[in-house]
Amino acid sequence: MDLNLTGRTAVVTGASKGIGLAITETLLAEGARVVATSRSRTAELDALDGELVHVPADLMDPGAPAARSSTSRPAPAASRRRSTSTTRARRPR
């Protein structure tokens, strides 16, 4: 199946096992870059081929996303792209 995801970036939470791992595997197989979030990295996640970045975070902790974003570095200007998705939440500036 070709979902035309080559070059697109997807974020998957709960990506280390179960449905999250299956979604991550499928997105990678379709050519997407995947940012995988889970509390820990598993051997199954490590075994996947493709552009995969793991971000360890416990999303049951309400402060975890804010803590991760304050320690992250912004992407270089050349790699930033405006999203065309109408469902994407916008962050206040």
Foldseek 3Di string as FASTA:
>chain_A
DAPPQAPAEDEFEPCQDDPNVVVVLVSQVNHYAYEYEEQDHDPSNVPHDGRYHYDHFDVVPVCGVVVSVVPDDDDPPVPDDDDPDPPDDDDDD
